Amino acid sequence: MKIRKLKLGSVMGLCLLTGGIVIAQNPSVENIDPARHPHLAAAQHHLRMAWDESSAAQHANDWDMSGHAAHARQLMEEASRELKMAAEAANRR
């Protein structure tokens, strides 16, 4: 029984790890209309470029950056979502 629980726990842990890696690999999207909001779209585009560069830096350092690059990418995702919300708020005015 202990071995079965250990195997189940190992499989579940592996699934969580794999899911986290897949989510971390998905770059931020560029979803602001540049015709309506050129500055917000440009800012979102620059965040996407920063995302790509941080990904390259992680790869170049064998993903060993003490979690700082991953945290920076989370903040870039948040900033991209905030820019989208700003564009939507401007659309409502």
Protein backbone atom coordinates (compact mmCIF):
# COMPACT_ATOMS: atom_id res chain seq x y z
CA MET A 1 0.00 0.00 0.00
CA LYS A 2 2.85 2.41 0.82
CA ILE A 3 4.51 1.77 -2.53
CA ARG A 4 1.26 2.46 -4.38
CA LYS A 5 0.82 5.78 -2.54
CA LEU A 6 4.43 6.66 -3.24
CA LYS A 7 3.99 5.93 -6.96
CA LEU A 8 0.74 7.91 -7.08
CA GLY A 9 2.38 10.84 -5.30
CA SER A 10 5.33 10.73 -7.68
CA VAL A 11 3.06 10.69 -10.74
CA MET A 12 0.97 13.58 -9.39
CA GLY A 13 4.10 15.59 -8.61
CA LEU A 14 5.44 14.98 -12.10
CA CYS A 15 2.14 16.12 -13.62
CA LEU A 16 2.19 19.34 -11.57
CA LEU A 17 5.79 20.01 -12.56
CA THR A 18 5.06 19.39 -16.24
CA GLY A 19 1.99 21.62 -16.10
CA GLY A 20 3.99 24.39 -14.49
CA ILE A 21 6.65 24.17 -17.17
CA VAL A 22 4.05 24.27 -19.94
CA ILE A 23 2.37 27.31 -18.41
CA ALA A 24 5.72 29.04 -17.91
CA GLN A 25 6.65 28.46 -21.54
CA ASN A 26 3.54 30.15 -22.94
CA PRO A 27 4.55 33.69 -23.81
CA SER A 28 2.39 36.66 -23.10
CA VAL A 29 -0.03 37.53 -25.86
CA GLU A 30 -0.26 40.72 -27.85
CA ASN A 31 -3.98 41.44 -27.88
CA ILE A 32 -4.28 45.23 -27.94
CA ASP A 33 -5.43 46.80 -31.19
CA PRO A 34 -2.55 49.03 -32.35
CA ALA A 35 -4.94 51.08 -34.50
CA ARG A 36 -6.95 52.15 -31.43
CA HIS A 37 -4.19 52.21 -28.80
CA PRO A 38 -0.77 52.48 -30.47
CA HIS A 39 1.13 53.27 -27.26
CA LEU A 40 -0.45 50.51 -25.20
CA ALA A 41 0.06 48.04 -28.05
CA ALA A 42 3.71 49.09 -28.32
CA ALA A 43 4.18 48.64 -24.57
CA GLN A 44 2.63 45.19 -24.77
CA HIS A 45 4.88 44.35 -27.72
CA HIS A 46 7.96 45.38 -25.73
CA LEU A 47 6.82 43.17 -22.86
CA ARG A 48 6.62 40.29 -25.32
CA MET A 49 10.17 41.03 -26.50
CA ALA A 50 11.36 41.16 -22.87
CA TRP A 51 9.60 37.82 -22.25
CA ASP A 52 11.46 36.26 -25.17
CA GLU A 53 14.81 37.66 -24.01
CA SER A 54 14.31 36.43 -20.45
CA SER A 55 13.44 33.02 -21.84
CA ALA A 56 16.67 33.02 -23.85
CA ALA A 57 18.60 34.07 -20.74
CA GLN A 58 17.09 31.22 -18.74
CA HIS A 59 17.97 28.74 -21.45
CA ALA A 60 21.53 30.10 -21.71
CA ASN A 61 21.94 29.67 -17.95
CA ASP A 62 20.49 26.15 -17.87
CA TRP A 63 17.34 27.49 -16.16
CA ASP A 64 19.36 28.19 -13.00
CA MET A 65 18.56 31.79 -12.06
CA SER A 66 17.19 31.14 -8.57
CA GLY A 67 13.64 31.71 -9.75
CA HIS A 68 14.20 35.40 -10.44
CA ALA A 69 13.71 35.20 -14.21
CA ALA A 70 10.56 33.15 -13.75
CA HIS A 71 9.23 35.73 -11.29
CA ALA A 72 10.07 38.54 -13.71
CA ARG A 73 8.12 36.71 -16.41
CA GLN A 74 5.11 36.41 -14.09
CA LEU A 75 5.27 40.16 -13.54
CA MET A 76 5.47 40.72 -17.31
CA GLU A 77 2.32 38.62 -17.72
CA GLU A 78 0.58 40.71 -15.09
CA ALA A 79 1.72 43.94 -16.76
CA SER A 80 0.43 42.70 -20.12
CA ARG A 81 -2.98 41.93 -18.60
CA GLU A 82 -3.07 45.38 -16.96
CA LEU A 83 -2.29 47.04 -20.30
CA LYS A 84 -5.17 45.11 -21.89
CA MET A 85 -7.49 46.26 -19.10
CA ALA A 86 -6.33 49.84 -19.63
CA ALA A 87 -7.19 49.58 -23.33
CA GLU A 88 -10.60 48.15 -22.50
CA ALA A 89 -11.24 50.94 -19.99
CA ALA A 90 -10.32 53.52 -22.63
CA ASN A 91 -12.69 51.80 -25.07
CA ARG A 92 -15.59 52.25 -22.64
CA ARG A 93 -15.05 56.04 -22.43
